[in-house]
Every structure is written in structure tokens, then in C-alpha cells.
């Protein structure tokens, strides 16, 4: 079924079909959220909230726009809002009298099974390079080169004009070329895969939340 048909039937009360929407766009939303936040867990949280927001305001979706663009924009706004909140919290001075544990400043050495899978995949090197890009470049690169959105769709999702998208994409590619040379473009579809365990986790969590709202 098309997105429009799914939305129509969900609006009519077939809530279970929202799972189809999520499984269709999980990878895209994960990639764009992670591009902004650079954190897997935060990206999943953003996805869940974006889906709940979309479901709650499904009646506000205008058929004149593409549903995929509308949904992606919701995820982008949620990720950016979370990034701003994190920055504000980071700017708050620590209590001089508070005790701190020096080990808290070091990243955990524990690796998840999914992280180990990433390291074995061909796209692992590209993921590192993409993560090193400035956030404004990462989000454009994810939507244009990884997800394959058009310049117009990317501009609509990010709330910028098309010239800005083109400029940011050009600079993102240039920076990646310096690091990856011939690998650019051939490995992008393999990067930031949204594996089945994560897909199921997000879908189950969202369906539980929206069922409680119904």
C-alpha cells in the first residue's frame, strides 16, 4: 500500500497499520536522527517520540505534501530540539562542591553486539568519516546521498533553501573525499544500518504508546 492509503486507513481506525509505516521509515529516521545527535540511544529515543508525535497529529497531515517528507521533518525537529537541550545542559557550570568520579569522563569500553557487527561491515569506515562531519553537513549528506532524497525534499525536511542544501552537500562530499577517496558513494548505502533488533524494539515501544492513546 502507498503511504497515502496507509494514512487513510490508520485515520479510519486501523491503528495496527502504523507498524507498516514505522518499518518502512525506521532506517531513514534513525540515520537522520543519528546524524544530528551522534548517539545511537538518543537517535532511538527521537524516533519513538517522532512516531508518537506523527500518530497523534496524523489528522494534520496535508495530502498535498509527501508523507515521507512530513514524517522526516518531525524527526529532524525532534532531534534538533534534543540537541539544543543537551547543549544548554552542557553549558551549565558544574557545582564546585559536587564530587566527581574521574572514570565518568572516559567512554565505556563495553561494546554492544550491534557495534561489533558495524565494525565488521564494509560501511564502518564511512560511518566514522560521516560522524566527523559538522552536524549541518551530516544531516544533508544522510538525506541526499544515503537516503536518496531530492534536493527539494531535503530542503523541506531541514527547513532550509535548496541552494543551502547544494552548498552543504558539496562541502560534505569534499571533506569525505579527502578521507575516503574512491570509497565515497559506493559504501554509503551500507552505513548506519538499522538492524532487526532495533527495528523491533522501536516498533514495539511505539505501538504500546499509541495503543494506550487510542
N, C-alpha and C. Protein backbone atom coordinates (compact mmCIF):
# COMPACT_ATOMS: atom_id res chain seq x y z
N UNK A 1 0.83 -1.20 0.00
CA UNK A 1 0.00 0.00 0.00
C UNK A 1 0.86 1.24 0.00
N UNK A 2 0.37 2.28 -0.62
CA UNK A 2 1.08 3.55 -0.62
C UNK A 2 0.97 4.18 0.76
N UNK A 3 1.84 5.16 1.01
CA UNK A 3 1.77 5.89 2.28
C UNK A 3 0.40 6.51 2.48
N UNK A 4 -0.12 7.09 1.41
CA UNK A 4 -1.40 7.78 1.50
C UNK A 4 -2.53 6.82 1.88
N UNK A 5 -2.51 5.61 1.31
CA UNK A 5 -3.54 4.63 1.63
C UNK A 5 -3.40 4.18 3.08
N UNK A 6 -2.16 3.97 3.51
CA UNK A 6 -1.94 3.58 4.91
C UNK A 6 -2.45 4.65 5.87
N UNK A 7 -2.13 5.91 5.56
CA UNK A 7 -2.56 7.02 6.42
C UNK A 7 -4.08 7.08 6.48
N UNK A 8 -4.72 6.90 5.33
CA UNK A 8 -6.19 6.96 5.29
C UNK A 8 -6.79 5.88 6.18
N UNK A 9 -6.26 4.66 6.09
CA UNK A 9 -6.82 3.56 6.86
C UNK A 9 -6.51 3.70 8.36
N UNK A 10 -5.33 4.24 8.67
CA UNK A 10 -5.00 4.48 10.08
C UNK A 10 -5.94 5.52 10.66
N UNK A 11 -6.20 6.58 9.88
CA UNK A 11 -7.14 7.62 10.33
C UNK A 11 -8.52 7.04 10.58
N UNK A 12 -8.89 6.01 9.81
CA UNK A 12 -10.21 5.40 9.95
C UNK A 12 -10.27 4.42 11.11
N UNK A 13 -9.13 4.22 11.79
CA UNK A 13 -9.15 3.38 12.99
C UNK A 13 -8.31 2.13 12.95
N UNK A 14 -7.67 1.84 11.81
CA UNK A 14 -6.84 0.64 11.72
C UNK A 14 -5.44 0.95 12.24
N UNK A 15 -5.35 1.13 13.55
CA UNK A 15 -4.11 1.58 14.19
C UNK A 15 -2.94 0.63 13.93
N UNK A 16 -3.22 -0.66 13.82
CA UNK A 16 -2.16 -1.65 13.67
C UNK A 16 -1.31 -1.39 12.42
N UNK A 17 -1.89 -0.74 11.42
CA UNK A 17 -1.15 -0.47 10.19
C UNK A 17 -0.03 0.54 10.40
N UNK A 18 -0.03 1.24 11.53
CA UNK A 18 1.05 2.19 11.79
C UNK A 18 2.39 1.48 11.87
N UNK A 19 2.36 0.19 12.23
CA UNK A 19 3.61 -0.59 12.26
C UNK A 19 4.24 -0.65 10.87
N UNK A 20 3.41 -0.73 9.83
CA UNK A 20 3.94 -0.76 8.46
C UNK A 20 4.69 0.53 8.17
N UNK A 21 4.10 1.65 8.58
CA UNK A 21 4.75 2.95 8.40
C UNK A 21 6.11 2.97 9.08
N UNK A 22 6.15 2.50 10.33
CA UNK A 22 7.41 2.53 11.07
C UNK A 22 8.48 1.67 10.42
N UNK A 23 8.14 0.46 10.05
CA UNK A 23 9.13 -0.43 9.45
C UNK A 23 9.59 0.09 8.08
N UNK A 24 8.73 0.85 7.43
CA UNK A 24 9.10 1.43 6.15
C UNK A 24 10.11 2.56 6.31
N UNK A 25 10.03 3.33 7.40
CA UNK A 25 10.87 4.52 7.55
C UNK A 25 11.83 4.48 8.74
N UNK A 26 11.93 3.34 9.41
CA UNK A 26 12.84 3.24 10.55
C UNK A 26 14.28 3.61 10.19
N UNK A 27 14.77 3.07 9.10
CA UNK A 27 16.17 3.31 8.74
C UNK A 27 16.40 4.79 8.45
N UNK A 28 15.50 5.40 7.70
CA UNK A 28 15.67 6.82 7.36
C UNK A 28 15.68 7.69 8.62
N UNK A 29 14.69 7.47 9.50
CA UNK A 29 14.61 8.31 10.69
C UNK A 29 15.80 8.08 11.61
N UNK A 30 16.24 6.84 11.70
CA UNK A 30 17.42 6.55 12.52
C UNK A 30 18.64 7.27 11.98
N UNK A 31 18.83 7.21 10.68
CA UNK A 31 20.01 7.83 10.07
C UNK A 31 20.03 9.34 10.27
N UNK A 32 18.90 9.97 10.05
CA UNK A 32 18.87 11.44 10.16
C UNK A 32 18.99 11.87 11.61
N UNK A 33 18.36 11.13 12.53
CA UNK A 33 18.46 11.48 13.96
C UNK A 33 19.88 11.27 14.46
N UNK A 34 20.51 10.20 14.04
CA UNK A 34 21.87 9.93 14.47
C UNK A 34 22.85 10.93 13.86
N UNK A 35 22.56 11.37 12.66
CA UNK A 35 23.42 12.37 12.02
C UNK A 35 23.46 13.66 12.84
N UNK A 36 22.35 13.97 13.47
CA UNK A 36 22.28 15.20 14.27
C UNK A 36 22.83 14.99 15.67
N UNK A 37 22.54 13.84 16.27
CA UNK A 37 22.88 13.62 17.68
C UNK A 37 24.15 12.81 17.91
N UNK A 38 24.58 12.03 16.90
CA UNK A 38 25.79 11.21 17.01
C UNK A 38 25.72 10.24 18.19
N UNK A 39 24.53 9.72 18.47
CA UNK A 39 24.37 8.82 19.59
C UNK A 39 23.23 7.85 19.25
N UNK A 40 23.52 6.55 19.31
CA UNK A 40 22.54 5.55 18.92
C UNK A 40 21.30 5.57 19.81
N UNK A 41 21.51 5.61 21.11
CA UNK A 41 20.38 5.58 22.05
C UNK A 41 19.51 6.82 21.90
N UNK A 42 20.16 7.98 21.80
CA UNK A 42 19.41 9.23 21.62
C UNK A 42 18.61 9.18 20.31
N UNK A 43 19.21 8.62 19.27
CA UNK A 43 18.52 8.52 17.98
C UNK A 43 17.27 7.67 18.09
N UNK A 44 17.36 6.55 18.83
CA UNK A 44 16.18 5.71 19.02
C UNK A 44 15.09 6.44 19.79
N UNK A 45 15.49 7.18 20.82
CA UNK A 45 14.51 7.95 21.59
C UNK A 45 13.80 8.97 20.70
N UNK A 46 14.56 9.63 19.84
CA UNK A 46 13.99 10.61 18.93
C UNK A 46 13.01 9.94 17.98
N UNK A 47 13.38 8.78 17.46
CA UNK A 47 12.49 8.05 16.56
C UNK A 47 11.15 7.76 17.23
N UNK A 48 11.22 7.23 18.45
CA UNK A 48 9.98 6.89 19.15
C UNK A 48 9.10 8.12 19.34
N UNK A 49 9.71 9.22 19.78
CA UNK A 49 8.92 10.42 20.01
C UNK A 49 8.37 10.98 18.70
N UNK A 50 9.17 10.91 17.64
CA UNK A 50 8.72 11.41 16.34
C UNK A 50 7.52 10.60 15.83
N UNK A 51 7.57 9.29 16.00
CA UNK A 51 6.45 8.46 15.57
C UNK A 51 5.19 8.75 16.39
N UNK A 52 5.36 8.90 17.69
CA UNK A 52 4.21 9.21 18.55
C UNK A 52 3.62 10.56 18.16
N UNK A 53 4.50 11.54 17.92
CA UNK A 53 4.03 12.86 17.50
C UNK A 53 3.28 12.78 16.17
N UNK A 54 3.83 12.00 15.24
CA UNK A 54 3.19 11.87 13.93
C UNK A 54 1.82 11.21 14.06
N UNK A 55 1.75 10.15 14.85
CA UNK A 55 0.48 9.46 15.04
C UNK A 55 -0.55 10.38 15.68
N UNK A 56 -0.11 11.11 16.70
CA UNK A 56 -1.01 12.00 17.43
C UNK A 56 -1.57 13.09 16.54
N UNK A 57 -0.76 13.56 15.59
CA UNK A 57 -1.17 14.68 14.74
C UNK A 57 -1.41 14.23 13.29
N UNK A 58 -1.77 12.98 13.13
CA UNK A 58 -1.96 12.45 11.77
C UNK A 58 -3.05 13.20 11.02
N UNK A 59 -4.03 13.71 11.73
CA UNK A 59 -5.10 14.47 11.09
C UNK A 59 -4.60 15.79 10.52
N UNK A 60 -3.42 16.24 10.97
CA UNK A 60 -2.87 17.49 10.48
C UNK A 60 -2.03 17.30 9.21
N UNK A 61 -1.79 16.03 8.84
CA UNK A 61 -1.01 15.78 7.64
C UNK A 61 -1.80 16.21 6.42
N UNK A 62 -1.18 17.06 5.61
CA UNK A 62 -1.84 17.56 4.40
C UNK A 62 -1.42 16.70 3.21
N UNK A 63 -2.39 16.15 2.52
CA UNK A 63 -2.09 15.24 1.40
C UNK A 63 -1.32 15.90 0.27
N UNK A 64 -1.27 17.22 0.27
CA UNK A 64 -0.53 17.89 -0.82
C UNK A 64 0.98 17.72 -0.64
N UNK A 65 1.42 17.34 0.56
CA UNK A 65 2.84 17.10 0.83
C UNK A 65 3.09 15.59 0.83
N UNK A 66 4.35 15.20 0.63
CA UNK A 66 4.69 13.79 0.71
C UNK A 66 4.72 13.38 2.18
N UNK A 67 4.11 12.25 2.50
CA UNK A 67 4.09 11.81 3.88
C UNK A 67 5.50 11.56 4.40
N UNK A 68 6.37 11.00 3.57
CA UNK A 68 7.74 10.71 3.99
C UNK A 68 8.47 11.98 4.39
N UNK A 69 8.24 13.07 3.65
CA UNK A 69 8.88 14.34 3.98
C UNK A 69 8.33 14.90 5.28
N UNK A 70 7.01 14.82 5.45
CA UNK A 70 6.36 15.30 6.67
C UNK A 70 6.90 14.55 7.88
N UNK A 71 7.01 13.23 7.77
CA UNK A 71 7.48 12.41 8.88
C UNK A 71 8.95 12.68 9.19
N UNK A 72 9.76 12.80 8.15
CA UNK A 72 11.18 13.07 8.34
C UNK A 72 11.39 14.42 9.01
N UNK A 73 10.60 15.40 8.62
CA UNK A 73 10.72 16.74 9.21
C UNK A 73 10.41 16.69 10.70
N UNK A 74 9.43 15.89 11.10
CA UNK A 74 9.11 15.75 12.52
C UNK A 74 10.31 15.19 13.27
N UNK A 75 10.96 14.19 12.69
CA UNK A 75 12.14 13.59 13.34
C UNK A 75 13.28 14.59 13.41
N UNK A 76 13.48 15.37 12.35
CA UNK A 76 14.55 16.37 12.34
C UNK A 76 14.32 17.40 13.44
N UNK A 77 13.10 17.90 13.55
CA UNK A 77 12.80 18.92 14.55
C UNK A 77 12.99 18.36 15.96
N UNK A 78 12.58 17.12 16.16
CA UNK A 78 12.73 16.50 17.48
C UNK A 78 14.21 16.31 17.82
N UNK A 79 15.01 15.89 16.84
CA UNK A 79 16.45 15.70 17.07
C UNK A 79 17.15 17.03 17.35
N UNK A 80 16.80 18.05 16.59
CA UNK A 80 17.41 19.36 16.80
C UNK A 80 17.04 19.93 18.17
N UNK A 81 15.79 19.73 18.58
CA UNK A 81 15.36 20.22 19.89
C UNK A 81 16.13 19.51 20.99
N UNK A 82 16.33 18.22 20.83
CA UNK A 82 17.08 17.46 21.83
C UNK A 82 18.54 17.90 21.86
N UNK A 83 19.10 18.18 20.69
CA UNK A 83 20.49 18.64 20.63
C UNK A 83 20.65 19.99 21.32
N UNK A 84 19.66 20.87 21.13
CA UNK A 84 19.72 22.18 21.79
C UNK A 84 19.62 22.05 23.30
N UNK A 85 18.74 21.15 23.76
CA UNK A 85 18.61 20.94 25.21
C UNK A 85 19.91 20.41 25.79
N UNK A 86 20.54 19.49 25.08
CA UNK A 86 21.79 18.91 25.56
C UNK A 86 22.88 19.97 25.63
N UNK A 87 22.89 20.88 24.65
CA UNK A 87 23.90 21.94 24.65
C UNK A 87 23.69 22.89 25.81
N UNK A 88 22.43 23.22 26.10
CA UNK A 88 22.15 24.11 27.23
C UNK A 88 22.58 23.48 28.54
N UNK A 89 22.33 22.19 28.67
CA UNK A 89 22.73 21.49 29.89
C UNK A 89 24.25 21.43 30.02
N UNK A 90 24.92 21.26 28.89
CA UNK A 90 26.38 21.19 28.91
C UNK A 90 26.98 22.54 29.27
N UNK A 91 26.26 23.62 28.97
CA UNK A 91 26.77 24.97 29.25
C UNK A 91 26.57 25.37 30.71
N UNK A 92 25.75 24.61 31.46
CA UNK A 92 25.51 24.93 32.87
C UNK A 92 26.74 24.54 33.68
N UNK A 93 27.34 25.48 34.43
CA UNK A 93 28.54 25.15 35.21
C UNK A 93 28.23 24.08 36.25
N UNK A 94 29.19 23.20 36.47
CA UNK A 94 29.05 22.18 37.49
C UNK A 94 29.15 22.81 38.88
N UNK A 95 28.47 22.23 39.83
CA UNK A 95 28.56 22.67 41.22
C UNK A 95 29.98 22.42 41.72
N UNK A 96 30.63 23.48 42.13
CA UNK A 96 32.03 23.37 42.53
C UNK A 96 32.20 22.41 43.69
N UNK A 97 31.15 22.25 44.52
CA UNK A 97 31.27 21.38 45.68
C UNK A 97 30.87 19.95 45.40
N UNK A 98 30.41 19.69 44.20
CA UNK A 98 29.95 18.34 43.89
C UNK A 98 31.13 17.41 43.68
N UNK A 99 30.97 16.16 44.13
CA UNK A 99 32.02 15.19 43.93
C UNK A 99 31.91 14.61 42.54
N UNK A 100 33.05 14.40 41.91
CA UNK A 100 33.05 13.83 40.57
C UNK A 100 33.93 12.60 40.55
N UNK A 101 33.56 11.69 39.72
CA UNK A 101 34.33 10.46 39.54
C UNK A 101 35.12 10.59 38.25
N UNK A 102 36.44 10.52 38.33
CA UNK A 102 37.26 10.73 37.15
C UNK A 102 36.96 9.71 36.07
N UNK A 103 36.50 8.51 36.47
CA UNK A 103 36.20 7.49 35.47
C UNK A 103 35.00 7.86 34.62
N UNK A 104 34.14 8.77 35.14
CA UNK A 104 32.97 9.18 34.37
C UNK A 104 33.36 9.93 33.11
N UNK A 105 34.56 10.46 33.06
CA UNK A 105 34.98 11.24 31.90
C UNK A 105 35.49 10.38 30.76
N UNK A 106 35.62 9.07 31.00
CA UNK A 106 36.11 8.17 29.97
C UNK A 106 34.95 7.40 29.37
N UNK A 107 34.95 7.22 28.04
CA UNK A 107 33.87 6.45 27.42
C UNK A 107 33.94 4.99 27.85
N UNK A 108 32.78 4.37 27.92
CA UNK A 108 32.73 2.97 28.31
C UNK A 108 33.42 2.09 27.28
N UNK A 109 34.13 1.09 27.76
CA UNK A 109 34.82 0.17 26.85
C UNK A 109 33.93 -0.98 26.43
N UNK A 110 32.74 -1.07 27.05
CA UNK A 110 31.81 -2.14 26.70
C UNK A 110 31.22 -1.88 25.32
N UNK A 111 31.18 -2.90 24.52
CA UNK A 111 30.66 -2.76 23.16
C UNK A 111 29.45 -3.66 23.00
N UNK A 112 28.43 -3.12 22.35
CA UNK A 112 27.23 -3.91 22.11
C UNK A 112 27.46 -4.85 20.93
N UNK A 113 26.68 -5.92 20.85
CA UNK A 113 26.80 -6.82 19.70
C UNK A 113 26.60 -6.08 18.38
N UNK A 114 25.67 -5.11 18.38
CA UNK A 114 25.43 -4.36 17.15
C UNK A 114 26.65 -3.54 16.76
N UNK A 115 27.35 -2.98 17.78
CA UNK A 115 28.55 -2.20 17.47
C UNK A 115 29.63 -3.08 16.88
N UNK A 116 29.71 -4.32 17.35
CA UNK A 116 30.70 -5.25 16.82
C UNK A 116 30.37 -5.63 15.38
N UNK A 117 29.07 -5.73 15.10
CA UNK A 117 28.66 -6.02 13.73
C UNK A 117 29.06 -4.87 12.81
N UNK A 118 28.84 -3.63 13.27
CA UNK A 118 29.21 -2.46 12.49
C UNK A 118 30.68 -2.50 12.11
N UNK A 119 31.53 -2.89 13.10
CA UNK A 119 32.96 -2.88 12.86
C UNK A 119 33.36 -3.88 11.79
N UNK A 120 32.56 -4.91 11.63
CA UNK A 120 32.88 -5.92 10.62
C UNK A 120 32.31 -5.57 9.26
N UNK A 121 31.43 -4.63 9.22
CA UNK A 121 30.82 -4.28 7.94
C UNK A 121 31.69 -3.33 7.14
N UNK A 122 31.50 -3.40 5.85
CA UNK A 122 32.27 -2.54 4.96
C UNK A 122 31.99 -1.07 5.20
N UNK A 123 30.78 -0.77 5.69
CA UNK A 123 30.42 0.63 5.89
C UNK A 123 30.97 1.27 7.15
N UNK A 124 31.70 0.49 7.96
CA UNK A 124 32.17 1.03 9.24
C UNK A 124 33.07 2.24 9.06
N UNK A 125 33.98 2.16 8.10
CA UNK A 125 34.89 3.28 7.89
C UNK A 125 34.15 4.53 7.46
N UNK A 126 33.13 4.36 6.65
CA UNK A 126 32.35 5.50 6.20
C UNK A 126 31.57 6.12 7.35
N UNK A 127 31.07 5.28 8.24
CA UNK A 127 30.33 5.81 9.38
C UNK A 127 31.20 6.74 10.22
N UNK A 128 32.44 6.35 10.42
CA UNK A 128 33.35 7.18 11.20
C UNK A 128 33.56 8.52 10.51
N UNK A 129 33.76 8.47 9.22
CA UNK A 129 34.00 9.70 8.46
C UNK A 129 32.78 10.61 8.47
N UNK A 130 31.59 10.02 8.34
CA UNK A 130 30.37 10.83 8.36
C UNK A 130 30.16 11.46 9.73
N UNK A 131 30.43 10.70 10.77
CA UNK A 131 30.26 11.21 12.12
C UNK A 131 31.18 12.39 12.40
N UNK A 132 32.30 12.46 11.69
CA UNK A 132 33.26 13.54 11.90
C UNK A 132 32.83 14.83 11.21
N UNK A 133 31.83 14.74 10.34
CA UNK A 133 31.36 15.94 9.64
C UNK A 133 30.63 16.86 10.61
N UNK A 134 30.63 18.17 10.35
CA UNK A 134 29.79 19.08 11.14
C UNK A 134 28.33 18.67 11.00
N UNK A 135 27.53 18.94 12.02
CA UNK A 135 26.14 18.47 12.03
C UNK A 135 25.35 18.93 10.81
N UNK A 136 25.55 20.16 10.38
CA UNK A 136 24.80 20.66 9.23
C UNK A 136 25.15 19.91 7.95
N UNK A 137 26.40 19.46 7.84
CA UNK A 137 26.81 18.68 6.68
C UNK A 137 26.30 17.23 6.79
N UNK A 138 26.36 16.67 8.01
CA UNK A 138 25.94 15.28 8.20
C UNK A 138 24.49 15.08 7.82
N UNK A 139 23.61 15.97 8.31
CA UNK A 139 22.19 15.79 8.05
C UNK A 139 21.87 15.87 6.56
N UNK A 140 22.51 16.80 5.86
CA UNK A 140 22.29 16.91 4.41
C UNK A 140 22.82 15.68 3.70
N UNK A 141 24.02 15.23 4.06
CA UNK A 141 24.61 14.05 3.41
C UNK A 141 23.74 12.82 3.64
N UNK A 142 23.25 12.65 4.85
CA UNK A 142 22.41 11.49 5.16
C UNK A 142 21.16 11.47 4.29
N UNK A 143 20.49 12.61 4.20
CA UNK A 143 19.24 12.66 3.45
C UNK A 143 19.46 12.56 1.94
N UNK A 144 20.49 13.23 1.43
CA UNK A 144 20.71 13.25 -0.01
C UNK A 144 21.42 12.00 -0.53
N UNK A 145 22.58 11.67 0.04
CA UNK A 145 23.39 10.59 -0.52
C UNK A 145 23.10 9.23 0.08
N UNK A 146 22.67 9.19 1.33
CA UNK A 146 22.40 7.89 1.95
C UNK A 146 20.94 7.49 1.75
N UNK A 147 20.02 8.41 2.00
CA UNK A 147 18.60 8.11 1.84
C UNK A 147 18.08 8.38 0.44
N UNK A 148 18.82 9.14 -0.36
CA UNK A 148 18.43 9.37 -1.74
C UNK A 148 17.32 10.37 -1.95
N UNK A 149 17.10 11.28 -1.00
CA UNK A 149 16.08 12.30 -1.18
C UNK A 149 16.56 13.32 -2.20
N UNK A 150 15.63 14.00 -2.83
CA UNK A 150 15.97 15.05 -3.77
C UNK A 150 16.42 16.29 -3.01
N UNK A 151 17.00 17.24 -3.75
CA UNK A 151 17.42 18.49 -3.12
C UNK A 151 16.23 19.21 -2.50
N UNK A 152 15.10 19.23 -3.22
CA UNK A 152 13.90 19.89 -2.71
C UNK A 152 13.39 19.21 -1.45
N UNK A 153 13.32 17.88 -1.45
CA UNK A 153 12.83 17.15 -0.29
C UNK A 153 13.72 17.38 0.92
N UNK A 154 15.04 17.37 0.68
CA UNK A 154 15.98 17.61 1.77
C UNK A 154 15.80 19.00 2.34
N UNK A 155 15.64 19.98 1.46
CA UNK A 155 15.43 21.36 1.91
C UNK A 155 14.17 21.47 2.76
N UNK A 156 13.10 20.79 2.34
CA UNK A 156 11.85 20.83 3.09
C UNK A 156 12.01 20.17 4.45
N UNK A 157 12.72 19.04 4.50
CA UNK A 157 12.91 18.33 5.76
C UNK A 157 13.73 19.16 6.76
N UNK A 158 14.73 19.87 6.27
CA UNK A 158 15.64 20.59 7.15
C UNK A 158 15.24 22.05 7.35
N UNK A 159 14.26 22.52 6.59
CA UNK A 159 13.82 23.90 6.75
C UNK A 159 14.81 24.92 6.22
N UNK A 160 15.52 24.56 5.15
CA UNK A 160 16.47 25.48 4.52
C UNK A 160 16.13 25.56 3.03
N UNK A 161 16.83 26.46 2.31
CA UNK A 161 16.56 26.54 0.88
C UNK A 161 17.43 25.56 0.09
N UNK A 162 17.11 25.37 -1.17
CA UNK A 162 17.80 24.39 -1.99
C UNK A 162 19.27 24.75 -2.20
N UNK A 163 19.58 26.03 -2.33
CA UNK A 163 20.98 26.43 -2.52
C UNK A 163 21.82 26.06 -1.30
N UNK A 164 21.24 26.18 -0.13
CA UNK A 164 21.96 25.81 1.09
C UNK A 164 22.23 24.31 1.11
N UNK A 165 21.25 23.53 0.68
CA UNK A 165 21.44 22.08 0.61
C UNK A 165 22.58 21.74 -0.35
N UNK A 166 22.59 22.38 -1.52
CA UNK A 166 23.62 22.10 -2.51
C UNK A 166 25.01 22.46 -1.97
N UNK A 167 25.10 23.60 -1.32
CA UNK A 167 26.39 24.04 -0.79
C UNK A 167 26.89 23.10 0.29
N UNK A 168 26.01 22.75 1.22
CA UNK A 168 26.41 21.86 2.31
C UNK A 168 26.78 20.47 1.79
N UNK A 169 26.04 20.00 0.80
CA UNK A 169 26.34 18.68 0.25
C UNK A 169 27.70 18.69 -0.46
N UNK A 170 27.97 19.75 -1.20
CA UNK A 170 29.26 19.87 -1.89
C UNK A 170 30.41 19.83 -0.88
N UNK A 171 30.27 20.57 0.20
CA UNK A 171 31.33 20.62 1.20
C UNK A 171 31.46 19.31 1.96
N UNK A 172 30.32 18.66 2.21
CA UNK A 172 30.36 17.36 2.89
C UNK A 172 31.08 16.34 2.03
N UNK A 173 30.75 16.31 0.76
CA UNK A 173 31.41 15.36 -0.14
C UNK A 173 32.90 15.64 -0.25
N UNK A 174 33.26 16.91 -0.32
CA UNK A 174 34.67 17.27 -0.43
C UNK A 174 35.45 16.80 0.79
N UNK A 175 34.85 16.99 1.97
CA UNK A 175 35.53 16.58 3.19
C UNK A 175 35.65 15.07 3.27
N UNK A 176 34.62 14.37 2.85
CA UNK A 176 34.66 12.91 2.86
C UNK A 176 35.65 12.37 1.83
N UNK A 177 35.70 13.02 0.67
CA UNK A 177 36.64 12.58 -0.36
C UNK A 177 38.08 12.62 0.14
N UNK A 178 38.36 13.64 0.92
CA UNK A 178 39.73 13.75 1.44
C UNK A 178 40.07 12.58 2.33
N UNK A 179 39.06 12.02 2.99
CA UNK A 179 39.31 10.91 3.92
C UNK A 179 39.12 9.53 3.30
N UNK A 180 38.24 9.45 2.34
CA UNK A 180 37.86 8.14 1.82
C UNK A 180 38.17 7.92 0.35
N UNK A 181 38.48 8.97 -0.37
CA UNK A 181 38.84 8.87 -1.80
C UNK A 181 37.79 8.06 -2.56
N UNK A 182 38.21 6.96 -3.16
CA UNK A 182 37.33 6.22 -4.06
C UNK A 182 36.17 5.53 -3.36
N UNK A 183 36.23 5.41 -2.03
CA UNK A 183 35.15 4.72 -1.33
C UNK A 183 33.85 5.53 -1.29
N UNK A 184 33.95 6.85 -1.50
CA UNK A 184 32.76 7.68 -1.40
C UNK A 184 31.71 7.26 -2.42
N UNK A 185 30.50 7.14 -1.99
CA UNK A 185 29.38 6.81 -2.88
C UNK A 185 29.12 5.33 -2.98
N UNK A 186 30.17 4.49 -2.92
CA UNK A 186 29.96 3.05 -3.08
C UNK A 186 29.55 2.37 -1.79
N UNK A 187 29.91 2.97 -0.64
CA UNK A 187 29.61 2.34 0.63
C UNK A 187 28.47 3.02 1.38
N UNK A 188 28.02 4.15 0.90
CA UNK A 188 27.01 4.90 1.64
C UNK A 188 25.77 4.08 2.00
N UNK A 189 25.20 3.27 1.08
CA UNK A 189 24.00 2.52 1.44
C UNK A 189 24.23 1.49 2.54
N UNK A 190 25.51 1.11 2.79
CA UNK A 190 25.80 0.10 3.82
C UNK A 190 25.98 0.72 5.20
N UNK A 191 26.02 2.04 5.26
CA UNK A 191 26.32 2.69 6.53
C UNK A 191 25.07 2.87 7.40
N UNK A 192 25.27 2.82 8.71
CA UNK A 192 24.20 3.06 9.69
C UNK A 192 22.97 2.21 9.43
N UNK A 193 23.19 0.90 9.24
CA UNK A 193 22.06 0.01 9.06
C UNK A 193 21.25 -0.06 10.35
N UNK A 194 19.94 -0.11 10.21
CA UNK A 194 19.06 -0.20 11.38
C UNK A 194 18.66 -1.65 11.52
N UNK A 195 19.39 -2.40 12.35
CA UNK A 195 19.24 -3.84 12.43
C UNK A 195 17.90 -4.26 13.03
N UNK A 196 17.55 -5.52 12.79
CA UNK A 196 16.23 -6.04 13.15
C UNK A 196 15.91 -5.87 14.63
N UNK A 197 16.90 -6.09 15.50
CA UNK A 197 16.62 -5.98 16.93
C UNK A 197 16.20 -4.56 17.30
N UNK A 198 16.86 -3.58 16.73
CA UNK A 198 16.50 -2.18 16.99
C UNK A 198 15.14 -1.86 16.38
N UNK A 199 14.93 -2.35 15.18
CA UNK A 199 13.66 -2.10 14.49
C UNK A 199 12.51 -2.62 15.34
N UNK A 200 12.63 -3.85 15.83
CA UNK A 200 11.57 -4.43 16.66
C UNK A 200 11.40 -3.65 17.95
N UNK A 201 12.51 -3.22 18.55
CA UNK A 201 12.44 -2.50 19.82
C UNK A 201 11.66 -1.19 19.67
N UNK A 202 11.97 -0.44 18.62
CA UNK A 202 11.30 0.84 18.39
C UNK A 202 9.83 0.61 18.06
N UNK A 203 9.56 -0.33 17.17
CA UNK A 203 8.17 -0.60 16.76
C UNK A 203 7.33 -1.02 17.96
N UNK A 204 7.84 -1.94 18.77
CA UNK A 204 7.07 -2.41 19.93
C UNK A 204 6.81 -1.29 20.93
N UNK A 205 7.82 -0.46 21.16
CA UNK A 205 7.66 0.63 22.12
C UNK A 205 6.63 1.65 21.64
N UNK A 206 6.69 2.00 20.35
CA UNK A 206 5.77 2.99 19.82
C UNK A 206 4.34 2.44 19.77
N UNK A 207 4.19 1.20 19.32
CA UNK A 207 2.85 0.62 19.24
C UNK A 207 2.21 0.54 20.63
N UNK A 208 3.00 0.26 21.65
CA UNK A 208 2.48 0.23 23.01
C UNK A 208 1.99 1.61 23.42
N UNK A 209 2.77 2.66 23.07
CA UNK A 209 2.40 4.02 23.45
C UNK A 209 1.16 4.51 22.72
N UNK A 210 1.09 4.24 21.41
CA UNK A 210 -0.06 4.75 20.67
C UNK A 210 -1.33 3.95 20.96
N UNK A 211 -1.16 2.67 21.33
CA UNK A 211 -2.32 1.86 21.72
C UNK A 211 -2.94 2.41 23.00
N UNK A 212 -2.07 2.86 23.91
CA UNK A 212 -2.57 3.44 25.15
C UNK A 212 -3.33 4.74 24.91
N UNK A 213 -2.99 5.44 23.79
CA UNK A 213 -3.65 6.70 23.48
C UNK A 213 -4.99 6.47 22.78
N UNK A 214 -5.13 5.30 22.16
CA UNK A 214 -6.33 5.05 21.36
C UNK A 214 -7.55 4.78 22.26
